Amino acid sequence: MDNLIKNNGIVLLVIIGLPGLFAWLLTIINRQTKANLVNHYGINSQVYCGFLGIIIHELSHLILALIFRHGIQSVRLLKRPHLHPEDESADDLALGYVNHTWNRHSRYQVIGNLFIGVAPIFGCTAALLGLDWLLAPGLFQAIFKLADTPEQPQWAASFHSLTSTPTSWWQLLMLLFLTLVIVIGGFDLRE
């Protein structure tokens, strides 16, 4: 019985705890980055520097809302935030949105809200892996060599994949740029 409890605890930690910790850390880093951008370059800088991430963020919400059969009311994949300092109207700080409705009596649709809420973590991660596959196949292979056996990472095989696959400088530069634009705009779970 003790073994069962211990094993279930480890499974819950791996399935819920680690992804939750990962999402929390990414959200904190993303919010701090956006705050620094806004403080130094203005409120619209977060759109200019994170446009692709914002679009992927909102598309992730939209795709999961459709999978869980939510009613889509309106979608805006990218928008500039607006401050209204001259009057008392509410600030519109959203960078994009997916307004949806769901049946509160449908367990499937209610549970779907959890998945819709965390969808940007998976959507942005999938986009980054896709970019690795397209622009830096060695990096893509190296990542999957490590993920293949997490209990015993294959560091040497991963390093070999990383260094043996040629990648041109423009591919690395493009990968760096696109990665930054996705990370800056996409990994915040507040929106």
N, C-alpha and C. Protein backbone atom coordinates (compact mmCIF):
# COMPACT_ATOMS: atom_id res chain seq x y z
N MET A 1 0.83 -1.20 0.00
CA MET A 1 0.00 0.00 0.00
C MET A 1 0.87 1.26 0.00
N ASP A 2 1.94 1.23 0.81
CA ASP A 2 2.83 2.39 0.85
C ASP A 2 3.49 2.63 -0.51
N ASN A 3 3.84 1.52 -1.17
CA ASN A 3 4.44 1.63 -2.51
C ASN A 3 3.47 2.26 -3.49
N LEU A 4 2.20 1.88 -3.42
CA LEU A 4 1.18 2.42 -4.30
C LEU A 4 1.04 3.93 -4.10
N ILE A 5 0.98 4.35 -2.86
CA ILE A 5 0.87 5.78 -2.55
C ILE A 5 2.10 6.53 -3.03
N LYS A 6 3.26 5.97 -2.79
CA LYS A 6 4.51 6.60 -3.22
C LYS A 6 4.55 6.71 -4.75
N ASN A 7 4.22 5.64 -5.46
CA ASN A 7 4.24 5.64 -6.92
C ASN A 7 3.23 6.64 -7.49
N ASN A 8 2.03 6.66 -6.91
CA ASN A 8 1.02 7.62 -7.37
C ASN A 8 1.46 9.06 -7.11
N GLY A 9 2.11 9.29 -5.98
CA GLY A 9 2.64 10.62 -5.68
C GLY A 9 3.69 11.05 -6.69
N ILE A 10 4.57 10.13 -7.06
CA ILE A 10 5.61 10.44 -8.06
C ILE A 10 4.97 10.72 -9.42
N VAL A 11 3.98 9.92 -9.79
CA VAL A 11 3.29 10.13 -11.07
C VAL A 11 2.61 11.50 -11.08
N LEU A 12 1.91 11.84 -10.00
CA LEU A 12 1.26 13.15 -9.93
C LEU A 12 2.27 14.28 -9.99
N LEU A 13 3.40 14.12 -9.33
CA LEU A 13 4.45 15.13 -9.38
C LEU A 13 4.96 15.32 -10.80
N VAL A 14 5.19 14.22 -11.49
CA VAL A 14 5.71 14.30 -12.86
C VAL A 14 4.66 14.84 -13.82
N ILE A 15 3.41 14.41 -13.67
CA ILE A 15 2.37 14.81 -14.61
C ILE A 15 1.85 16.23 -14.33
N ILE A 16 1.72 16.61 -13.07
CA ILE A 16 1.15 17.90 -12.73
C ILE A 16 2.20 18.87 -12.19
N GLY A 17 3.03 18.41 -11.29
CA GLY A 17 3.98 19.29 -10.61
C GLY A 17 5.04 19.88 -11.51
N LEU A 18 5.73 19.05 -12.28
CA LEU A 18 6.80 19.57 -13.14
C LEU A 18 6.28 20.48 -14.25
N PRO A 19 5.22 20.09 -14.99
CA PRO A 19 4.69 21.04 -15.97
C PRO A 19 4.17 22.33 -15.32
N GLY A 20 3.57 22.21 -14.14
CA GLY A 20 3.09 23.40 -13.44
C GLY A 20 4.23 24.32 -13.04
N LEU A 21 5.30 23.74 -12.53
CA LEU A 21 6.49 24.53 -12.18
C LEU A 21 7.09 25.19 -13.42
N PHE A 22 7.19 24.43 -14.49
CA PHE A 22 7.71 24.94 -15.76
C PHE A 22 6.85 26.11 -16.26
N ALA A 23 5.52 25.95 -16.25
CA ALA A 23 4.62 27.01 -16.70
C ALA A 23 4.73 28.24 -15.81
N TRP A 24 4.83 28.04 -14.51
CA TRP A 24 4.95 29.15 -13.57
C TRP A 24 6.23 29.93 -13.81
N LEU A 25 7.35 29.23 -13.97
CA LEU A 25 8.64 29.90 -14.24
C LEU A 25 8.62 30.65 -15.56
N LEU A 26 8.08 30.03 -16.60
CA LEU A 26 8.00 30.71 -17.90
C LEU A 26 7.12 31.96 -17.82
N THR A 27 6.03 31.86 -17.10
CA THR A 27 5.13 33.01 -16.96
C THR A 27 5.82 34.16 -16.22
N ILE A 28 6.54 33.85 -15.15
CA ILE A 28 7.25 34.89 -14.40
C ILE A 28 8.30 35.57 -15.28
N ILE A 29 9.09 34.77 -15.98
CA ILE A 29 10.11 35.33 -16.87
C ILE A 29 9.47 36.18 -17.96
N ASN A 30 8.38 35.67 -18.54
CA ASN A 30 7.70 36.40 -19.61
C ASN A 30 7.12 37.72 -19.12
N ARG A 31 6.51 37.72 -17.96
CA ARG A 31 5.93 38.96 -17.42
C ARG A 31 7.02 39.99 -17.12
N GLN A 32 8.14 39.53 -16.58
CA GLN A 32 9.25 40.44 -16.29
C GLN A 32 9.82 41.04 -17.58
N THR A 33 9.94 40.20 -18.60
CA THR A 33 10.44 40.68 -19.90
C THR A 33 9.50 41.73 -20.48
N LYS A 34 8.20 41.45 -20.44
CA LYS A 34 7.22 42.41 -20.96
C LYS A 34 7.25 43.71 -20.14
N ALA A 35 7.37 43.60 -18.83
CA ALA A 35 7.44 44.80 -17.99
C ALA A 35 8.66 45.64 -18.35
N ASN A 36 9.80 44.99 -18.55
CA ASN A 36 11.00 45.72 -18.95
C ASN A 36 10.82 46.39 -20.31
N LEU A 37 10.22 45.70 -21.24
CA LEU A 37 9.97 46.29 -22.55
C LEU A 37 9.07 47.52 -22.44
N VAL A 38 7.98 47.38 -21.69
CA VAL A 38 7.04 48.49 -21.53
C VAL A 38 7.71 49.68 -20.84
N ASN A 39 8.47 49.42 -19.80
CA ASN A 39 9.13 50.50 -19.06
C ASN A 39 10.17 51.23 -19.89
N HIS A 40 10.86 50.52 -20.76
CA HIS A 40 11.94 51.14 -21.54
C HIS A 40 11.49 51.65 -22.90
N TYR A 41 10.52 50.98 -23.53
CA TYR A 41 10.19 51.32 -24.93
C TYR A 41 8.71 51.60 -25.18
N GLY A 42 7.89 51.58 -24.16
CA GLY A 42 6.48 51.89 -24.33
C GLY A 42 5.61 50.64 -24.40
N ILE A 43 4.32 50.87 -24.24
CA ILE A 43 3.37 49.75 -24.11
C ILE A 43 3.27 48.90 -25.37
N ASN A 44 3.45 49.49 -26.55
CA ASN A 44 3.31 48.72 -27.79
C ASN A 44 4.55 47.89 -28.12
N SER A 45 5.64 48.10 -27.40
CA SER A 45 6.87 47.35 -27.68
C SER A 45 6.68 45.86 -27.47
N GLN A 46 5.80 45.47 -26.55
CA GLN A 46 5.56 44.04 -26.32
C GLN A 46 4.89 43.39 -27.53
N VAL A 47 4.13 44.16 -28.29
CA VAL A 47 3.53 43.64 -29.52
C VAL A 47 4.59 43.54 -30.61
N TYR A 48 5.40 44.58 -30.75
CA TYR A 48 6.43 44.58 -31.79
C TYR A 48 7.48 43.50 -31.55
N CYS A 49 7.81 43.25 -30.31
CA CYS A 49 8.87 42.27 -30.00
C CYS A 49 8.33 40.86 -29.79
N GLY A 50 7.03 40.70 -29.63
CA GLY A 50 6.49 39.38 -29.35
C GLY A 50 5.31 38.99 -30.22
N PHE A 51 5.19 39.62 -31.39
CA PHE A 51 4.01 39.43 -32.23
C PHE A 51 3.74 37.95 -32.56
N LEU A 52 4.76 37.21 -32.95
CA LEU A 52 4.55 35.82 -33.34
C LEU A 52 4.13 34.97 -32.13
N GLY A 53 4.72 35.21 -30.99
CA GLY A 53 4.35 34.49 -29.78
C GLY A 53 2.90 34.78 -29.37
N ILE A 54 2.48 36.03 -29.53
CA ILE A 54 1.10 36.40 -29.19
C ILE A 54 0.12 35.66 -30.10
N ILE A 55 0.44 35.62 -31.39
CA ILE A 55 -0.43 34.92 -32.34
C ILE A 55 -0.51 33.43 -32.01
N ILE A 56 0.63 32.81 -31.74
CA ILE A 56 0.64 31.37 -31.39
C ILE A 56 -0.10 31.14 -30.07
N HIS A 57 0.07 32.07 -29.13
CA HIS A 57 -0.63 32.00 -27.83
C HIS A 57 -2.14 31.94 -28.06
N GLU A 58 -2.65 32.89 -28.83
CA GLU A 58 -4.10 32.95 -29.05
C GLU A 58 -4.60 31.79 -29.90
N LEU A 59 -3.82 31.38 -30.91
CA LEU A 59 -4.20 30.22 -31.71
C LEU A 59 -4.28 28.96 -30.86
N SER A 60 -3.39 28.83 -29.89
CA SER A 60 -3.41 27.67 -28.99
C SER A 60 -4.72 27.63 -28.20
N HIS A 61 -5.12 28.81 -27.67
CA HIS A 61 -6.41 28.87 -26.96
C HIS A 61 -7.55 28.50 -27.92
N LEU A 62 -7.52 29.06 -29.12
CA LEU A 62 -8.60 28.84 -30.09
C LEU A 62 -8.72 27.37 -30.47
N ILE A 63 -7.61 26.73 -30.78
CA ILE A 63 -7.63 25.33 -31.21
C ILE A 63 -8.20 24.45 -30.11
N LEU A 64 -7.76 24.67 -28.87
CA LEU A 64 -8.29 23.84 -27.77
C LEU A 64 -9.75 24.17 -27.48
N ALA A 65 -10.15 25.42 -27.63
CA ALA A 65 -11.56 25.76 -27.43
C ALA A 65 -12.42 25.05 -28.47
N LEU A 66 -11.93 24.95 -29.69
CA LEU A 66 -12.68 24.22 -30.72
C LEU A 66 -12.70 22.72 -30.43
N ILE A 67 -11.58 22.16 -29.98
CA ILE A 67 -11.53 20.73 -29.65
C ILE A 67 -12.52 20.40 -28.54
N PHE A 68 -12.64 21.29 -27.56
CA PHE A 68 -13.56 21.05 -26.44
C PHE A 68 -14.96 21.59 -26.72
N ARG A 69 -15.23 21.91 -27.97
CA ARG A 69 -16.56 22.31 -28.46
C ARG A 69 -17.14 23.52 -27.74
N HIS A 70 -16.28 24.49 -27.45
CA HIS A 70 -16.75 25.74 -26.88
C HIS A 70 -17.29 26.62 -28.00
N GLY A 71 -18.21 27.49 -27.65
CA GLY A 71 -18.74 28.43 -28.62
C GLY A 71 -17.80 29.63 -28.75
N ILE A 72 -17.28 29.85 -29.93
CA ILE A 72 -16.35 30.96 -30.16
C ILE A 72 -17.16 32.21 -30.46
N GLN A 73 -17.02 33.22 -29.62
CA GLN A 73 -17.75 34.48 -29.79
C GLN A 73 -16.97 35.47 -30.64
N SER A 74 -15.69 35.63 -30.34
CA SER A 74 -14.84 36.54 -31.11
C SER A 74 -13.38 36.16 -30.90
N VAL A 75 -12.57 36.47 -31.91
CA VAL A 75 -11.15 36.15 -31.87
C VAL A 75 -10.38 37.33 -32.43
N ARG A 76 -9.33 37.67 -31.76
CA ARG A 76 -8.38 38.66 -32.29
C ARG A 76 -6.99 38.14 -31.92
N LEU A 77 -6.25 37.70 -32.94
CA LEU A 77 -4.96 37.05 -32.69
C LEU A 77 -3.88 38.04 -32.27
N LEU A 78 -4.03 39.30 -32.65
CA LEU A 78 -3.02 40.30 -32.32
C LEU A 78 -3.67 41.67 -32.28
N LYS A 79 -3.38 42.42 -31.23
CA LYS A 79 -3.88 43.80 -31.15
C LYS A 79 -2.96 44.63 -30.27
N ARG A 80 -2.95 45.89 -30.56
CA ARG A 80 -2.15 46.81 -29.73
C ARG A 80 -2.96 47.18 -28.49
N PRO A 81 -2.32 47.18 -27.33
CA PRO A 81 -3.04 47.56 -26.11
C PRO A 81 -3.29 49.07 -26.09
N HIS A 82 -4.33 49.47 -25.38
CA HIS A 82 -4.69 50.89 -25.32
C HIS A 82 -4.85 51.33 -23.87
N LEU A 83 -4.19 52.42 -23.54
CA LEU A 83 -4.37 53.06 -22.24
C LEU A 83 -5.32 54.23 -22.42
N HIS A 84 -6.14 54.46 -21.43
CA HIS A 84 -7.08 55.58 -21.48
C HIS A 84 -6.84 56.50 -20.28
N PRO A 85 -5.72 57.23 -20.25
CA PRO A 85 -5.43 58.05 -19.08
C PRO A 85 -6.32 59.29 -18.97
N GLU A 86 -6.92 59.74 -20.08
CA GLU A 86 -7.69 60.97 -20.03
C GLU A 86 -9.11 60.80 -19.50
N ASP A 87 -9.62 59.60 -19.45
CA ASP A 87 -10.95 59.40 -18.90
C ASP A 87 -10.96 58.20 -17.95
N GLU A 88 -12.11 57.89 -17.44
CA GLU A 88 -12.23 56.84 -16.43
C GLU A 88 -12.51 55.46 -17.02
N SER A 89 -12.51 55.34 -18.36
CA SER A 89 -12.80 54.03 -18.94
C SER A 89 -11.66 53.06 -18.65
N ALA A 90 -12.02 51.80 -18.67
CA ALA A 90 -11.03 50.76 -18.34
C ALA A 90 -9.95 50.68 -19.41
N ASP A 91 -8.74 50.41 -18.97
CA ASP A 91 -7.64 50.18 -19.90
C ASP A 91 -7.88 48.87 -20.64
N ASP A 92 -7.53 48.87 -21.91
CA ASP A 92 -7.63 47.65 -22.71
C ASP A 92 -6.21 47.19 -22.99
N LEU A 93 -5.67 46.37 -22.10
CA LEU A 93 -4.27 45.97 -22.17
C LEU A 93 -4.07 44.63 -22.87
N ALA A 94 -5.13 44.02 -23.36
CA ALA A 94 -5.01 42.71 -24.01
C ALA A 94 -4.19 42.84 -25.29
N LEU A 95 -3.39 41.82 -25.55
CA LEU A 95 -2.58 41.77 -26.77
C LEU A 95 -3.24 40.91 -27.83
N GLY A 96 -4.29 40.24 -27.45
CA GLY A 96 -5.08 39.37 -28.32
C GLY A 96 -6.12 38.70 -27.43
N TYR A 97 -7.09 38.04 -28.03
CA TYR A 97 -8.09 37.37 -27.22
C TYR A 97 -8.86 36.33 -28.00
N VAL A 98 -9.42 35.38 -27.25
CA VAL A 98 -10.38 34.41 -27.77
C VAL A 98 -11.51 34.40 -26.76
N ASN A 99 -12.62 34.98 -27.12
CA ASN A 99 -13.80 34.98 -26.25
C ASN A 99 -14.64 33.75 -26.61
N HIS A 100 -14.92 32.93 -25.61
CA HIS A 100 -15.65 31.70 -25.86
C HIS A 100 -16.63 31.43 -24.72
N THR A 101 -17.63 30.64 -25.05
CA THR A 101 -18.61 30.23 -24.05
C THR A 101 -18.61 28.71 -23.98
N TRP A 102 -19.13 28.18 -22.88
CA TRP A 102 -19.20 26.74 -22.71
C TRP A 102 -20.42 26.40 -21.88
N ASN A 103 -20.82 25.17 -22.00
CA ASN A 103 -21.96 24.66 -21.25
C ASN A 103 -21.47 24.23 -19.86
N ARG A 104 -21.92 24.90 -18.84
CA ARG A 104 -21.48 24.61 -17.48
C ARG A 104 -21.97 23.24 -16.99
N HIS A 105 -22.90 22.64 -17.70
CA HIS A 105 -23.41 21.32 -17.31
C HIS A 105 -22.67 20.20 -18.05
N SER A 106 -21.80 20.54 -18.96
CA SER A 106 -21.01 19.55 -19.69
C SER A 106 -19.65 19.39 -19.02
N ARG A 107 -19.43 18.24 -18.42
CA ARG A 107 -18.16 17.99 -17.75
C ARG A 107 -16.99 18.13 -18.73
N TYR A 108 -17.19 17.65 -19.96
CA TYR A 108 -16.16 17.73 -21.00
C TYR A 108 -15.76 19.18 -21.26
N GLN A 109 -16.73 20.05 -21.40
CA GLN A 109 -16.44 21.45 -21.69
C GLN A 109 -15.86 22.17 -20.47
N VAL A 110 -16.31 21.84 -19.30
CA VAL A 110 -15.78 22.46 -18.08
C VAL A 110 -14.32 22.05 -17.87
N ILE A 111 -14.02 20.77 -18.02
CA ILE A 111 -12.63 20.30 -17.91
C ILE A 111 -11.79 20.92 -19.01
N GLY A 112 -12.39 21.14 -20.15
CA GLY A 112 -11.68 21.77 -21.27
C GLY A 112 -11.10 23.12 -20.92
N ASN A 113 -11.71 23.84 -19.99
CA ASN A 113 -11.19 25.15 -19.59
C ASN A 113 -9.76 25.07 -19.06
N LEU A 114 -9.45 24.00 -18.33
CA LEU A 114 -8.09 23.83 -17.82
C LEU A 114 -7.11 23.71 -18.99
N PHE A 115 -7.45 22.87 -19.95
CA PHE A 115 -6.56 22.65 -21.09
C PHE A 115 -6.47 23.89 -21.97
N ILE A 116 -7.58 24.59 -22.13
CA ILE A 116 -7.57 25.82 -22.92
C ILE A 116 -6.68 26.86 -22.24
N GLY A 117 -6.71 26.91 -20.92
CA GLY A 117 -5.91 27.87 -20.17
C GLY A 117 -4.41 27.66 -20.30
N VAL A 118 -3.97 26.42 -20.34
CA VAL A 118 -2.53 26.15 -20.42
C VAL A 118 -2.07 25.85 -21.85
N ALA A 119 -2.95 25.92 -22.80
CA ALA A 119 -2.62 25.59 -24.20
C ALA A 119 -1.43 26.36 -24.75
N PRO A 120 -1.24 27.65 -24.40
CA PRO A 120 -0.08 28.37 -24.97
C PRO A 120 1.27 27.76 -24.62
N ILE A 121 1.39 27.13 -23.46
CA ILE A 121 2.66 26.49 -23.09
C ILE A 121 2.97 25.40 -24.11
N PHE A 122 1.98 24.61 -24.44
CA PHE A 122 2.19 23.51 -25.38
C PHE A 122 2.28 24.01 -26.82
N GLY A 123 1.46 24.99 -27.16
CA GLY A 123 1.48 25.54 -28.52
C GLY A 123 2.81 26.21 -28.85
N CYS A 124 3.30 27.02 -27.93
CA CYS A 124 4.58 27.70 -28.16
C CYS A 124 5.74 26.71 -28.15
N THR A 125 5.68 25.72 -27.27
CA THR A 125 6.73 24.69 -27.24
C THR A 125 6.74 23.91 -28.55
N ALA A 126 5.57 23.55 -29.06
CA ALA A 126 5.49 22.84 -30.34
C ALA A 126 6.02 23.71 -31.48
N ALA A 127 5.71 24.99 -31.46
CA ALA A 127 6.21 25.90 -32.49
C ALA A 127 7.73 25.99 -32.43
N LEU A 128 8.30 26.07 -31.23
CA LEU A 128 9.75 26.13 -31.09
C LEU A 128 10.41 24.83 -31.57
N LEU A 129 9.81 23.70 -31.25
CA LEU A 129 10.35 22.42 -31.74
C LEU A 129 10.25 22.34 -33.26
N GLY A 130 9.16 22.83 -33.82
CA GLY A 130 9.01 22.84 -35.27
C GLY A 130 10.07 23.72 -35.93
N LEU A 131 10.36 24.85 -35.33
CA LEU A 131 11.42 25.72 -35.86
C LEU A 131 12.78 25.05 -35.76
N ASP A 132 13.02 24.35 -34.65
CA ASP A 132 14.28 23.60 -34.52
C ASP A 132 14.39 22.56 -35.63
N TRP A 133 13.33 21.83 -35.87
CA TRP A 133 13.32 20.80 -36.91
C TRP A 133 13.60 21.41 -38.28
N LEU A 134 13.01 22.56 -38.53
CA LEU A 134 13.14 23.21 -39.84
C LEU A 134 14.49 23.91 -40.02
N LEU A 135 14.92 24.66 -39.01
CA LEU A 135 16.10 25.52 -39.16
C LEU A 135 17.38 24.94 -38.57
N ALA A 136 17.27 24.07 -37.57
CA ALA A 136 18.47 23.49 -36.93
C ALA A 136 18.20 22.03 -36.60
N PRO A 137 18.22 21.17 -37.61
CA PRO A 137 17.89 19.75 -37.37
C PRO A 137 18.78 19.08 -36.33
N GLY A 138 20.02 19.50 -36.25
CA GLY A 138 20.93 18.93 -35.24
C GLY A 138 20.45 19.23 -33.84
N LEU A 139 20.01 20.45 -33.61
CA LEU A 139 19.46 20.83 -32.30
C LEU A 139 18.21 20.02 -32.00
N PHE A 140 17.35 19.88 -33.01
CA PHE A 140 16.12 19.09 -32.85
C PHE A 140 16.46 17.66 -32.44
N GLN A 141 17.41 17.04 -33.14
CA GLN A 141 17.82 15.67 -32.82
C GLN A 141 18.45 15.59 -31.43
N ALA A 142 19.24 16.60 -31.08
CA ALA A 142 19.90 16.60 -29.77
C ALA A 142 18.86 16.66 -28.65
N ILE A 143 17.84 17.49 -28.82
CA ILE A 143 16.78 17.60 -27.82
C ILE A 143 16.08 16.26 -27.63
N PHE A 144 15.76 15.60 -28.73
CA PHE A 144 15.04 14.33 -28.62
C PHE A 144 15.92 13.19 -28.15
N LYS A 145 17.20 13.27 -28.38
CA LYS A 145 18.11 12.26 -27.81
C LYS A 145 18.09 12.35 -26.28
N LEU A 146 18.05 13.57 -25.75
CA LEU A 146 17.99 13.75 -24.30
C LEU A 146 16.62 13.34 -23.75
N ALA A 147 15.57 13.66 -24.49
CA ALA A 147 14.22 13.36 -24.01
C ALA A 147 13.87 11.89 -24.17
N ASP A 148 14.59 11.18 -25.03
CA ASP A 148 14.28 9.79 -25.30
C ASP A 148 14.42 8.91 -24.05
N THR A 149 15.46 9.15 -23.28
CA THR A 149 15.67 8.39 -22.03
C THR A 149 15.98 9.38 -20.91
N PRO A 150 14.95 10.00 -20.34
CA PRO A 150 15.20 11.03 -19.33
C PRO A 150 15.86 10.50 -18.06
N GLU A 151 15.66 9.22 -17.77
CA GLU A 151 16.29 8.67 -16.56
C GLU A 151 17.79 8.48 -16.74
N GLN A 152 18.24 8.34 -17.98
CA GLN A 152 19.67 8.24 -18.29
C GLN A 152 19.94 9.03 -19.57
N PRO A 153 20.08 10.36 -19.45
CA PRO A 153 20.27 11.19 -20.65
C PRO A 153 21.50 10.76 -21.45
N GLN A 154 21.34 10.76 -22.75
CA GLN A 154 22.42 10.39 -23.65
C GLN A 154 23.19 11.65 -24.06
N TRP A 155 24.01 12.16 -23.16
CA TRP A 155 24.70 13.42 -23.39
C TRP A 155 25.63 13.35 -24.59
N ALA A 156 26.39 12.28 -24.72
CA ALA A 156 27.35 12.16 -25.83
C ALA A 156 26.63 12.09 -27.17
N ALA A 157 25.58 11.30 -27.25
CA ALA A 157 24.82 11.19 -28.50
C ALA A 157 24.15 12.51 -28.85
N SER A 158 23.65 13.19 -27.83
CA SER A 158 23.02 14.48 -28.04
C SER A 158 24.04 15.49 -28.56
N PHE A 159 25.19 15.54 -27.94
CA PHE A 159 26.25 16.46 -28.37
C PHE A 159 26.70 16.14 -29.80
N HIS A 160 26.80 14.86 -30.11
CA HIS A 160 27.19 14.45 -31.46
C HIS A 160 26.16 14.92 -32.49
N SER A 161 24.87 14.76 -32.18
CA SER A 161 23.81 15.23 -33.09
C SER A 161 23.89 16.74 -33.28
N LEU A 162 24.16 17.43 -32.20
CA LEU A 162 24.23 18.89 -32.24
C LEU A 162 25.39 19.38 -33.10
N THR A 163 26.53 18.72 -32.99
CA THR A 163 27.74 19.20 -33.67
C THR A 163 27.97 18.58 -35.04
N SER A 164 27.31 17.47 -35.35
CA SER A 164 27.59 16.81 -36.63
C SER A 164 26.66 17.24 -37.76
N THR A 165 25.59 17.92 -37.44
CA THR A 165 24.64 18.37 -38.46
C THR A 165 24.95 19.82 -38.81
N PRO A 166 25.35 20.08 -40.05
CA PRO A 166 25.70 21.45 -40.41
C PRO A 166 24.46 22.36 -40.47
N THR A 167 24.64 23.55 -39.95
CA THR A 167 23.60 24.57 -39.99
C THR A 167 24.27 25.88 -40.37
N SER A 168 23.68 26.60 -41.31
CA SER A 168 24.30 27.85 -41.75
C SER A 168 24.02 28.97 -40.75
N TRP A 169 24.80 30.02 -40.83
CA TRP A 169 24.68 31.14 -39.90
C TRP A 169 23.32 31.82 -40.01
N TRP A 170 22.78 31.91 -41.24
CA TRP A 170 21.49 32.59 -41.39
C TRP A 170 20.36 31.77 -40.76
N GLN A 171 20.48 30.43 -40.78
CA GLN A 171 19.46 29.60 -40.13
C GLN A 171 19.50 29.79 -38.62
N LEU A 172 20.70 29.85 -38.06
CA LEU A 172 20.83 30.07 -36.62
C LEU A 172 20.34 31.45 -36.22
N LEU A 173 20.65 32.45 -37.04
CA LEU A 173 20.19 33.81 -36.76
C LEU A 173 18.66 33.89 -36.83
N MET A 174 18.08 33.26 -37.85
CA MET A 174 16.62 33.23 -38.00
C MET A 174 15.98 32.48 -36.83
N LEU A 175 16.59 31.35 -36.43
CA LEU A 175 16.07 30.58 -35.30
C LEU A 175 16.12 31.42 -34.02
N LEU A 176 17.21 32.11 -33.79
CA LEU A 176 17.33 32.96 -32.60
C LEU A 176 16.26 34.05 -32.60
N PHE A 177 16.10 34.73 -33.73
CA PHE A 177 15.10 35.81 -33.83
C PHE A 177 13.70 35.27 -33.58
N LEU A 178 13.33 34.20 -34.28
CA LEU A 178 11.98 33.66 -34.13
C LEU A 178 11.73 33.10 -32.73
N THR A 179 12.76 32.49 -32.14
CA THR A 179 12.63 31.98 -30.77
C THR A 179 12.36 33.12 -29.80
N LEU A 180 13.10 34.22 -29.92
CA LEU A 180 12.88 35.37 -29.04
C LEU A 180 11.48 35.95 -29.21
N VAL A 181 11.04 36.07 -30.45
CA VAL A 181 9.72 36.65 -30.72
C VAL A 181 8.61 35.75 -30.17
N ILE A 182 8.81 34.44 -30.21
CA ILE A 182 7.80 33.52 -29.66
C ILE A 182 7.84 33.54 -28.14
N VAL A 183 9.02 33.48 -27.57
CA VAL A 183 9.15 33.43 -26.11
C VAL A 183 8.65 34.74 -25.46
N ILE A 184 9.00 35.87 -26.04
CA ILE A 184 8.57 37.16 -25.47
C ILE A 184 7.05 37.28 -25.48
N GLY A 185 6.40 36.86 -26.53
CA GLY A 185 4.96 37.07 -26.62
C GLY A 185 4.09 35.92 -26.22
N GLY A 186 4.62 34.70 -26.17
CA GLY A 186 3.74 33.56 -26.09
C GLY A 186 3.57 32.85 -24.77
N PHE A 187 4.50 32.95 -23.85
CA PHE A 187 4.48 32.08 -22.68
C PHE A 187 3.84 32.69 -21.44
N ASP A 188 3.00 33.68 -21.58
CA ASP A 188 2.35 34.29 -20.42
C ASP A 188 0.95 33.69 -20.29
N LEU A 189 0.65 33.07 -19.17
CA LEU A 189 -0.66 32.45 -18.98
C LEU A 189 -1.70 33.41 -18.42
N ARG A 190 -1.34 34.66 -18.23
CA ARG A 190 -2.29 35.63 -17.68
C ARG A 190 -3.32 36.01 -18.74
N GLU A 191 -2.90 36.16 -19.97
CA GLU A 191 -3.84 36.59 -21.02
C GLU A 191 -4.71 35.46 -21.46
